[in-house]
Protein backbone atom coordinates (compact mmCIF):
# COMPACT_ATOMS: atom_id res chain seq x y z
CA MET A 1 60.13 28.04 -142.59
CA ASP A 2 60.81 27.05 -146.44
CA THR A 3 63.33 28.64 -148.25
CA LYS A 4 60.94 29.72 -150.98
CA PRO A 5 60.78 33.22 -152.31
CA LEU A 6 58.19 35.22 -150.44
CA LEU A 7 55.76 34.52 -153.29
CA GLU A 8 56.31 31.49 -154.00
CA LEU A 9 54.89 29.86 -150.72
CA LYS A 10 52.00 27.67 -150.09
CA ALA A 11 49.95 26.89 -147.06
CA ARG A 12 51.73 24.18 -146.18
CA ASP A 13 54.90 26.04 -145.79
CA LEU A 14 54.03 28.53 -143.20
CA MET A 15 51.01 26.41 -141.60
CA THR A 16 51.19 24.84 -137.94
CA ARG A 17 50.72 20.95 -138.85
CA ASP A 18 49.56 20.10 -134.72
CA VAL A 19 46.70 21.23 -135.30
CA VAL A 20 45.05 21.59 -131.52
CA SER A 21 41.03 20.86 -131.75
CA VAL A 22 38.43 21.67 -129.50
CA ALA A 23 35.04 18.87 -129.30
CA GLU A 24 32.11 21.26 -129.63
CA THR A 25 30.76 19.33 -126.40
CA THR A 26 33.82 20.60 -124.68
CA THR A 27 32.77 22.89 -121.63
CA VAL A 28 33.85 26.36 -121.81
CA GLY A 29 35.45 25.76 -118.99
CA GLU A 30 37.46 23.28 -120.38
CA LEU A 31 38.28 25.34 -122.81
CA VAL A 32 39.55 28.21 -121.41
CA THR A 33 41.83 25.45 -119.23
CA LEU A 34 43.33 24.57 -123.09
CA LEU A 35 43.88 27.65 -124.31
CA SER A 36 45.81 28.54 -121.12
CA ASP A 37 47.78 25.77 -121.14
CA ARG A 38 48.47 25.09 -124.33
CA GLU A 39 49.26 29.26 -125.41
CA ILE A 40 47.05 29.82 -127.65
CA SER A 41 44.41 32.05 -128.57
CA GLY A 42 41.55 30.22 -130.57
CA ALA A 43 40.80 26.42 -132.26
CA PRO A 44 39.21 24.78 -134.72
CA VAL A 45 35.70 23.60 -133.14
CA VAL A 46 34.87 19.88 -134.62
CA ASN A 47 31.96 17.96 -134.87
CA ALA A 48 30.97 14.70 -133.87
CA GLU A 49 32.72 13.24 -136.69
CA GLY A 50 36.44 15.44 -135.97
CA LYS A 51 35.13 17.73 -138.81
CA PRO A 52 35.17 21.22 -138.68
CA CYS A 53 32.51 23.15 -137.93
CA GLY A 54 33.31 26.35 -136.54
CA VAL A 55 35.93 27.79 -133.61
CA VAL A 56 36.75 29.21 -131.07
CA SER A 57 38.96 32.00 -129.91
CA LEU A 58 39.36 33.80 -126.54
CA ARG A 59 37.27 36.54 -127.75
CA ASP A 60 34.13 34.65 -128.40
CA VAL A 61 34.64 33.18 -124.03
CA VAL A 62 35.06 36.66 -123.20
CA LEU A 63 32.43 37.71 -125.44
CA SER A 64 30.14 35.18 -124.21
CA ALA A 65 30.72 35.92 -120.59
CA SER A 66 30.02 39.79 -120.96
CA GLU A 67 26.64 38.91 -122.06
CA ARG A 68 25.76 37.01 -119.43
CA TRP A 69 27.78 38.65 -116.54
CA ALA A 70 29.87 35.05 -116.39
CA ILE A 71 32.63 36.64 -115.22
CA ALA A 72 33.96 36.78 -111.68
CA PRO A 73 35.38 40.08 -111.71
CA GLU A 74 37.44 39.29 -107.78
CA ARG A 75 38.65 35.79 -109.83
CA ALA A 76 39.84 38.48 -113.33
CA SER A 77 42.83 40.79 -113.24
CA PRO A 78 41.39 44.42 -113.93
CA GLU A 79 44.43 44.55 -116.94
CA PHE A 80 42.08 41.90 -118.65
CA TYR A 81 39.19 43.98 -119.44
CA VAL A 82 41.73 46.19 -121.01
CA HIS A 83 43.86 44.34 -123.70
CA GLY A 84 40.99 44.96 -126.72
CA TRP A 85 42.83 42.25 -129.09
CA GLU A 86 42.68 38.67 -127.48
CA ASP A 87 46.33 38.11 -129.34
CA LYS A 88 47.30 40.29 -125.97
CA VAL A 89 46.40 37.66 -122.95
CA ASN A 90 49.10 36.44 -121.67
CA PRO A 91 48.72 33.62 -120.63
CA ASP A 92 49.31 34.22 -116.86
CA GLU A 93 45.78 36.61 -117.25
CA LEU A 94 44.14 34.26 -119.07
CA ARG A 95 44.37 31.64 -115.83
CA GLN A 96 42.86 33.97 -114.26
CA LEU A 97 39.02 33.91 -116.11
CA HIS A 98 36.41 31.96 -114.19
CA VAL A 99 33.84 31.47 -115.68
CA GLU A 100 30.90 30.08 -114.37
CA GLU A 101 27.81 28.87 -116.25
CA GLU A 102 29.56 24.89 -115.64
CA GLY A 103 26.75 24.00 -118.50
CA LEU A 104 28.44 26.07 -121.00
CA LEU A 105 29.47 23.95 -124.44
CA VAL A 106 31.84 25.31 -127.24
CA ARG A 107 29.30 24.72 -129.35
CA ASP A 108 27.31 28.05 -127.95
CA ILE A 109 30.11 30.49 -127.91
CA MET A 110 31.49 29.69 -131.41
CA THR A 111 31.52 31.06 -134.76
CA ALA A 112 29.74 28.83 -137.18
CA ALA A 113 31.91 30.13 -140.24
CA VAL A 114 34.68 27.29 -141.11
CA TYR A 115 37.44 30.16 -143.32
CA SER A 116 39.73 27.16 -145.18
CA VAL A 117 41.94 27.48 -148.13
CA SER A 118 43.53 24.64 -149.41
CA ALA A 119 47.75 23.11 -148.48
CA ASP A 120 47.91 24.44 -151.78
CA SER A 121 46.78 28.31 -151.91
CA PRO A 122 49.40 30.62 -152.47
CA LEU A 123 50.91 33.04 -149.77
CA PRO A 124 49.31 36.28 -151.40
CA GLN A 125 45.91 34.12 -151.38
CA VAL A 126 46.22 32.65 -148.01
CA ALA A 127 46.99 36.53 -146.61
CA ARG A 128 43.66 37.94 -148.08
CA THR A 129 41.43 35.59 -147.30
CA MET A 130 42.30 36.54 -143.58
CA VAL A 131 42.46 40.31 -144.28
CA GLU A 132 38.90 40.04 -146.26
CA GLY A 133 37.21 37.86 -143.73
CA HIS A 134 39.33 39.50 -140.32
CA LEU A 135 40.35 36.50 -139.48
CA HIS A 136 43.30 35.19 -136.39
CA ARG A 137 43.48 32.52 -137.69
CA LEU A 138 42.33 30.37 -141.02
CA LEU A 139 42.06 26.68 -141.94
CA VAL A 140 44.26 24.69 -144.03
CA THR A 141 42.57 21.63 -146.08
CA GLU A 142 43.39 18.95 -148.63
CA GLY A 143 40.28 17.38 -149.79
CA ASP A 144 37.64 16.87 -146.61
CA GLU A 145 40.81 16.89 -143.87
CA LEU A 146 41.54 19.47 -141.72
CA VAL A 147 45.84 19.22 -142.54
CA GLY A 148 46.59 22.31 -140.55
CA ILE A 149 46.84 25.95 -139.93
CA VAL A 150 47.79 29.18 -140.47
CA SER A 151 47.96 31.89 -137.50
CA SER A 152 48.12 35.65 -138.21
CA LEU A 153 51.31 35.47 -135.71
CA ASP A 154 52.69 32.62 -139.03
CA LEU A 155 52.52 35.27 -141.54
CA LEU A 156 54.24 37.74 -140.01
CA GLN A 157 56.63 35.05 -139.38
CA VAL A 158 56.87 34.98 -142.66
CA ILE A 159 57.38 38.43 -143.16
CA ALA A 160 60.19 39.05 -140.61
CA ASP A 161 61.78 36.11 -142.27
CA ALA A 162 61.44 37.34 -145.18
CA THR A 163 63.80 40.06 -144.00
């Protein structure tokens, strides 16, 4: 992490550069495996041209599955349903989620809105964008190119490092 004073930090100083993205044609089952394996709660969705076209999260998976009754209750732990926040689900619980509907694609459940800031955006703007949009992750761009992602955990890490 950069040692600049807190208010001088830019999105580029706190973003994760190794962005895990998922194609919109990925199956939801493959998505669950990816989220579990990488121990993350969501990812940007990219179209055939590799451009961001949405975001998908564990919350989207759970909401979609509950709407379709596609979760096999005997395969998921009862604790899975009581968390309330996607970031509290640990990887072992995520691995227990079994999506029955094989043909369901990421594009069917993703949030199509793409929220982003430029890499030069100051930290207060990054935080304000996330708070106002109720976002757990925010894409970071340089021009049309996706160069990073800032998560709510990244913001908390900055605060922790500053104290």
